[in-house]
Amino acid sequence: MLLMTLSSLAQASDAVLDRPPERTYDIVVESGYLNVGLYRDFPPYSYLENGEPAGVDVAIGQRIAEELGVEFRVHWITPDETLEDDLRNNVWKGHYLAKRRIADVMLRVPYDRRFAYMRDSTGEVVNDQVVMFGPYQQEHWQIAHDAEALDAVRTMAVFQYHPIGVEIDTLPDTYLSSAFGGSLRDSTQHFRNVERAFDAMLEGRVHAVMSTRAEIDHQLARHADRPFRSATNGFPGLVKQSWDVGMAVKHTHRELGHVIEAIVDRMVREGEIADIFARHGLRYSVPAYYDGILEMDEET
């Protein structure tokens, strides 16, 4: 009775102040569902397939909800200009057009302490309204190439002579357009997404595509009948070539974050996250956060 009263008072206060209702851990459990923030149209992570949510992040969100004993619900996120915008619009404040619709937890958030404590020009912490936690995957940059047009990618210099496709306004776009004194700029072609870039490779308009490893693996599986290969090269001048991916909750919902973190930590340690990636035909890397930890688990 007391919990219901407190919940009602909190929701009434939120309505008066025109802010998203507070969905703490107790209220999430009481409500019987979990709103999981996932990026829209972002295969192989989160997308619709035959009208139903699909992808590795969907599968992870479903398991989190199952462990909490609640229904899994998707809060679809349309990317804004920056990650800070996405966190504001979907985790702690809500978009000005739909302030009452936010996620209880958001997936595919970079797990990076420097980013988490980044400060603006006035010295204020930019992301002080969210807590970033629970790394569950290490992601990498990757190139796929058409082996008939380009037998191997031994160095990035080959793209002075071979066109390469990227999704517009991404880090690969910036990297290929500006690195090496801009010598690859003319060979870099821009597409709305990775799928369109692979379509161009099918047509011979580009000889390679650069994106995240998971996106590349997903497209390689879709085009298994084509002579497309995963390259093994590095990326000179690219400071962060791999990074941990985690989650985020509103800073006042730390208890919910702690419970979800424990669920995901067990899934990483017991290999369940790796199994999810394998079922989707994707390579998986354990987050750098766990370097040395899993070896200690095995020894004990």
Protein backbone atom coordinates (compact mmCIF):
# COMPACT_ATOMS: atom_id res chain seq x y z
CA MET A 1 0.00 0.00 0.00
CA LEU A 2 2.80 2.42 0.92
CA LEU A 3 4.67 1.62 -2.32
CA MET A 4 1.51 2.27 -4.36
CA THR A 5 0.95 5.57 -2.55
CA LEU A 6 4.52 6.72 -3.15
CA SER A 7 4.25 5.66 -6.78
CA SER A 8 1.02 7.61 -7.25
CA LEU A 9 2.47 10.71 -5.59
CA ALA A 10 5.58 10.55 -7.78
CA GLN A 11 3.53 10.20 -10.95
CA ALA A 12 1.24 13.07 -9.95
CA SER A 13 4.25 15.30 -9.28
CA ASP A 14 5.77 14.39 -12.65
CA ALA A 15 2.52 15.24 -14.44
CA VAL A 16 2.35 18.66 -12.78
CA LEU A 17 5.96 19.45 -13.70
CA ASP A 18 5.55 17.99 -17.23
CA ARG A 19 8.47 15.61 -16.89
CA PRO A 20 8.84 11.87 -17.52
CA PRO A 21 7.46 9.74 -14.65
CA GLU A 22 10.15 8.28 -12.40
CA ARG A 23 10.43 4.55 -13.08
CA THR A 24 12.66 3.32 -10.30
CA TYR A 25 13.48 -0.36 -9.85
CA ASP A 26 10.46 -0.98 -7.58
CA ILE A 27 8.09 0.79 -9.97
CA VAL A 28 9.49 -1.10 -12.99
CA VAL A 29 8.83 -4.41 -11.22
CA GLU A 30 5.41 -3.24 -10.04
CA SER A 31 4.46 -2.10 -13.55
CA GLY A 32 5.34 -5.50 -15.02
CA TYR A 33 7.40 -4.23 -17.96
CA LEU A 34 10.82 -2.83 -18.86
CA ASN A 35 11.30 -0.14 -21.53
CA VAL A 36 14.60 -0.96 -23.27
CA GLY A 37 16.06 1.81 -25.43
CA LEU A 38 17.37 0.43 -28.73
CA TYR A 39 18.46 2.19 -31.90
CA ARG A 40 15.96 1.98 -34.74
CA ASP A 41 16.88 0.32 -38.08
CA PHE A 42 20.35 -0.68 -36.85
CA PRO A 43 21.06 -4.28 -37.93
CA PRO A 44 22.43 -6.53 -36.59
CA TYR A 45 21.94 -4.84 -33.22
CA SER A 46 18.28 -3.80 -33.27
CA TYR A 47 15.76 -3.66 -36.11
CA LEU A 48 12.40 -5.01 -37.26
CA GLU A 49 12.22 -8.33 -39.05
CA ASN A 50 8.79 -9.38 -40.30
CA GLY A 51 7.35 -6.71 -38.04
CA GLU A 52 9.03 -8.03 -34.88
CA PRO A 53 12.07 -6.65 -32.99
CA ALA A 54 15.25 -8.57 -33.88
CA GLY A 55 19.00 -8.37 -33.33
CA VAL A 56 21.60 -9.03 -30.65
CA ASP A 57 20.61 -6.05 -28.50
CA VAL A 58 16.97 -7.11 -28.69
CA ALA A 59 17.94 -10.59 -27.50
CA ILE A 60 19.98 -9.13 -24.64
CA GLY A 61 17.13 -6.80 -23.66
CA GLN A 62 14.70 -9.71 -23.68
CA ARG A 63 16.95 -11.71 -21.35
CA ILE A 64 17.29 -8.75 -18.96
CA ALA A 65 13.51 -8.37 -18.81
CA GLU A 66 13.10 -12.12 -18.34
CA GLU A 67 15.53 -12.13 -15.42
CA LEU A 68 13.64 -9.20 -13.87
CA GLY A 69 10.40 -11.13 -14.28
CA VAL A 70 8.78 -8.43 -16.41
CA GLU A 71 7.63 -7.91 -20.00
CA PHE A 72 10.16 -6.70 -22.56
CA ARG A 73 9.15 -3.54 -24.41
CA VAL A 74 11.18 -1.67 -27.01
CA HIS A 75 11.69 2.08 -26.84
CA TRP A 76 12.92 2.82 -30.37
CA ILE A 77 15.60 5.51 -30.58
CA THR A 78 16.14 7.64 -33.66
CA PRO A 79 19.73 8.93 -33.49
CA ASP A 80 20.14 12.66 -32.95
CA GLU A 81 23.28 14.65 -33.75
CA THR A 82 25.31 13.42 -30.75
CA LEU A 83 25.23 10.67 -28.14
CA GLU A 84 24.63 13.36 -25.50
CA ASP A 85 21.43 14.25 -27.37
CA ASP A 86 20.37 10.59 -27.47
CA LEU A 87 20.95 10.22 -23.72
CA ARG A 88 19.02 13.40 -22.96
CA ASN A 89 16.11 12.57 -25.25
CA ASN A 90 15.77 8.92 -24.28
CA VAL A 91 17.18 8.34 -20.79
CA TRP A 92 16.89 11.29 -18.42
CA LYS A 93 14.73 14.08 -19.85
CA GLY A 94 12.78 13.08 -22.93
CA HIS A 95 12.43 14.74 -26.29
CA TYR A 96 10.59 18.06 -26.25
CA LEU A 97 7.96 16.56 -28.58
CA ALA A 98 7.39 13.49 -26.36
CA LYS A 99 8.76 14.23 -22.91
CA ARG A 100 6.95 11.41 -21.18
CA ARG A 101 8.42 8.65 -23.36
CA ILE A 102 11.87 7.59 -22.19
CA ALA A 103 13.68 4.29 -21.73
CA ASP A 104 14.27 2.58 -18.39
CA VAL A 105 17.64 1.44 -19.71
CA MET A 106 19.45 2.20 -22.97
CA LEU A 107 21.76 -0.26 -24.72
CA ARG A 108 24.71 0.28 -27.09
CA VAL A 109 26.22 3.14 -25.10
CA PRO A 110 30.03 3.47 -25.23
CA TYR A 111 31.53 2.39 -21.91
CA ASP A 112 34.25 5.02 -21.56
CA ARG A 113 35.16 6.80 -18.34
CA ARG A 114 36.53 9.84 -20.18
CA PHE A 115 33.25 10.24 -22.03
CA ALA A 116 31.20 9.61 -18.88
CA TYR A 117 33.00 12.41 -17.02
CA MET A 118 33.52 14.74 -19.98
CA ARG A 119 33.13 18.44 -19.12
CA ASP A 120 31.87 21.33 -21.19
CA SER A 121 33.52 24.74 -21.67
CA THR A 122 32.24 25.91 -18.27
CA GLY A 123 33.64 22.90 -16.43
CA GLU A 124 30.28 21.22 -15.90
CA VAL A 125 30.02 17.45 -16.37
CA VAL A 126 28.09 16.93 -19.62
CA ASN A 127 26.57 13.53 -18.78
CA ASP A 128 25.90 13.99 -15.07
CA GLN A 129 22.24 13.01 -15.50
CA VAL A 130 23.04 9.44 -16.55
CA VAL A 131 25.02 6.49 -15.23
CA MET A 132 26.90 4.42 -17.82
CA PHE A 133 27.59 0.86 -16.76
CA GLY A 134 27.55 -2.82 -17.69
CA PRO A 135 29.94 -3.33 -20.64
CA TYR A 136 28.76 -6.38 -22.56
CA GLN A 137 30.72 -6.31 -25.85
CA GLN A 138 33.93 -4.98 -27.34
CA GLU A 139 33.30 -3.56 -30.79
CA HIS A 140 35.88 -3.00 -33.55
CA TRP A 141 36.19 -1.20 -36.87
CA GLN A 142 36.30 -3.53 -39.85
CA ILE A 143 36.66 -3.47 -43.63
CA ALA A 144 35.06 -5.90 -46.05
CA HIS A 145 36.31 -6.05 -49.64
CA ASP A 146 35.37 -7.59 -52.95
CA ALA A 147 38.12 -10.18 -53.51
CA GLU A 148 37.58 -10.08 -57.27
CA ALA A 149 38.30 -6.35 -57.45
CA LEU A 150 40.78 -6.13 -54.56
CA ASP A 151 42.56 -9.31 -53.54
CA ALA A 152 43.58 -8.06 -50.08
CA VAL A 153 43.77 -4.96 -47.91
CA ARG A 154 47.38 -4.91 -46.73
CA THR A 155 47.43 -1.17 -46.16
CA MET A 156 44.93 1.69 -46.24
CA ALA A 157 46.97 3.17 -49.10
CA VAL A 158 45.17 0.83 -51.54
CA PHE A 159 42.14 3.09 -51.24
CA GLN A 160 43.92 5.78 -53.20
CA TYR A 161 43.11 3.56 -56.19
CA HIS A 162 40.04 1.59 -55.07
CA PRO A 163 36.71 3.21 -54.05
CA ILE A 164 35.46 2.44 -50.54
CA GLY A 165 31.98 2.98 -49.12
CA VAL A 166 31.01 4.32 -45.69
CA GLU A 167 27.83 5.36 -43.92
CA ILE A 168 27.62 9.14 -44.00
CA ASP A 169 28.39 11.13 -40.83
CA THR A 170 30.13 8.27 -39.04
CA LEU A 171 33.68 7.94 -37.75
CA PRO A 172 34.77 5.89 -40.81
CA ASP A 173 33.45 8.74 -42.97
CA THR A 174 35.52 11.28 -41.03
CA TYR A 175 38.58 9.01 -40.92
CA LEU A 176 38.68 8.17 -44.62
CA SER A 177 37.90 11.72 -45.67
CA SER A 178 40.63 13.34 -43.58
CA ALA A 179 43.38 10.82 -42.81
CA PHE A 180 46.66 10.62 -44.72
CA GLY A 181 46.47 14.24 -45.76
CA GLY A 182 43.09 13.71 -47.40
CA SER A 183 44.56 11.35 -50.00
CA LEU A 184 41.60 8.95 -49.66
CA ARG A 185 38.90 11.62 -49.81
CA ASP A 186 38.16 11.26 -53.52
CA SER A 187 37.90 7.46 -53.22
CA THR A 188 35.48 7.61 -50.29
CA GLN A 189 31.82 7.27 -51.24
CA HIS A 190 28.98 8.01 -48.85
CA PHE A 191 25.78 6.05 -48.30
CA ARG A 192 22.74 6.28 -46.09
CA ASN A 193 23.66 3.07 -44.27
CA VAL A 194 25.92 0.02 -44.48
CA GLU A 195 23.35 -1.99 -46.41
CA ARG A 196 23.36 0.61 -49.19
CA ALA A 197 27.17 0.57 -49.22
CA PHE A 198 27.12 -3.22 -49.72
CA ASP A 199 24.57 -2.79 -52.50
CA ALA A 200 27.11 -0.51 -54.20
CA MET A 201 29.79 -3.18 -53.75
CA LEU A 202 27.44 -5.70 -55.38
CA GLU A 203 27.18 -3.33 -58.35
CA GLY A 204 30.95 -2.77 -58.49
CA ARG A 205 30.69 0.94 -57.65
CA VAL A 206 32.90 0.44 -54.58
CA HIS A 207 35.45 -2.28 -53.87
CA ALA A 208 35.25 -2.19 -50.06
CA VAL A 209 33.11 -1.03 -47.14
CA MET A 210 34.21 0.15 -43.69
CA SER A 211 31.97 -0.04 -40.61
CA THR A 212 31.72 -1.83 -37.26
CA ARG A 213 32.72 -5.48 -37.26
CA ALA A 214 29.21 -6.65 -36.34
CA GLU A 215 27.62 -4.69 -39.19
CA ILE A 216 30.22 -6.06 -41.60
CA ASP A 217 29.72 -9.64 -40.37
CA HIS A 218 25.95 -9.26 -40.77
CA GLN A 219 26.27 -8.10 -44.36
CA LEU A 220 28.88 -10.74 -45.21
CA ALA A 221 26.43 -13.41 -44.02
CA ARG A 222 23.68 -11.88 -46.20
CA HIS A 223 26.00 -12.01 -49.20
CA ALA A 224 27.66 -15.35 -48.52
CA ASP A 225 27.39 -16.27 -52.22
CA ARG A 226 29.55 -13.31 -53.24
CA PRO A 227 33.38 -13.08 -53.13
CA PHE A 228 33.29 -10.61 -50.25
CA ARG A 229 35.93 -11.01 -47.57
CA SER A 230 36.73 -9.57 -44.15
CA ALA A 231 40.05 -7.68 -44.18
CA THR A 232 42.71 -8.00 -41.47
CA ASN A 233 44.33 -4.57 -41.68
CA GLY A 234 44.68 -1.98 -38.93
CA PHE A 235 43.79 1.69 -39.14
CA PRO A 236 46.84 3.99 -38.75
CA GLY A 237 45.98 7.32 -37.18
CA LEU A 238 42.66 6.10 -35.79
CA VAL A 239 43.03 6.57 -32.03
CA LYS A 240 40.25 4.23 -30.88
CA GLN A 241 40.14 1.08 -33.01
CA SER A 242 38.08 -0.91 -30.51
CA TRP A 243 35.82 0.10 -27.64
CA ASP A 244 33.56 -1.38 -24.99
CA VAL A 245 29.78 -1.13 -25.37
CA GLY A 246 27.51 -0.92 -22.34
CA MET A 247 24.26 0.58 -21.04
CA ALA A 248 22.89 3.71 -19.39
CA VAL A 249 20.16 4.61 -16.89
CA LYS A 250 19.03 7.89 -15.39
CA HIS A 251 21.26 8.89 -12.46
CA THR A 252 18.35 8.61 -10.01
CA HIS A 253 17.73 5.00 -11.07
CA ARG A 254 21.00 3.52 -9.87
CA GLU A 255 19.29 0.62 -8.09
CA LEU A 256 17.75 -0.50 -11.38
CA GLY A 257 21.17 -0.12 -12.99
CA HIS A 258 22.84 -2.25 -10.29
CA VAL A 259 20.31 -5.07 -10.77
CA ILE A 260 20.65 -5.02 -14.58
CA GLU A 261 24.45 -4.81 -14.29
CA ALA A 262 24.49 -7.99 -12.20
CA ILE A 263 22.35 -9.79 -14.79
CA VAL A 264 24.54 -8.75 -17.71
CA ASP A 265 27.77 -9.44 -15.80
CA ARG A 266 26.65 -13.03 -15.26
CA MET A 267 25.70 -13.31 -18.95
CA VAL A 268 29.19 -12.18 -19.97
CA ARG A 269 31.00 -14.43 -17.49
CA GLU A 270 28.94 -17.52 -18.34
CA GLY A 271 29.23 -17.02 -22.10
CA GLU A 272 25.56 -16.27 -22.72
CA ILE A 273 26.32 -12.98 -24.51
CA ALA A 274 28.83 -14.81 -26.73
CA ASP A 275 26.15 -17.40 -27.53
CA ILE A 276 23.71 -14.65 -28.56
CA PHE A 277 26.26 -13.20 -30.97
CA ALA A 278 27.06 -16.66 -32.34
CA ARG A 279 23.36 -17.34 -32.98
CA HIS A 280 23.28 -14.18 -35.06
CA GLY A 281 26.38 -15.23 -37.03
CA LEU A 282 28.61 -12.55 -35.50
CA ARG A 283 32.07 -12.58 -34.00
CA TYR A 284 32.20 -11.62 -30.34
CA SER A 285 34.88 -10.03 -28.21
CA VAL A 286 34.66 -9.82 -24.42
CA PRO A 287 34.88 -6.19 -23.23
CA ALA A 288 38.33 -4.95 -22.23
CA TYR A 289 36.76 -4.26 -18.82
CA TYR A 290 37.02 -8.02 -18.18
CA ASP A 291 40.72 -8.30 -19.06
CA GLY A 292 42.20 -10.61 -16.44
CA ILE A 293 38.89 -11.06 -14.63
CA LEU A 294 37.63 -14.07 -16.58
CA GLU A 295 41.01 -15.80 -16.17
CA MET A 296 40.68 -15.33 -12.42
CA ASP A 297 37.17 -16.82 -12.57
CA GLU A 298 38.52 -19.91 -14.31
CA GLU A 299 41.29 -20.34 -11.74
CA THR A 300 38.83 -20.19 -8.86
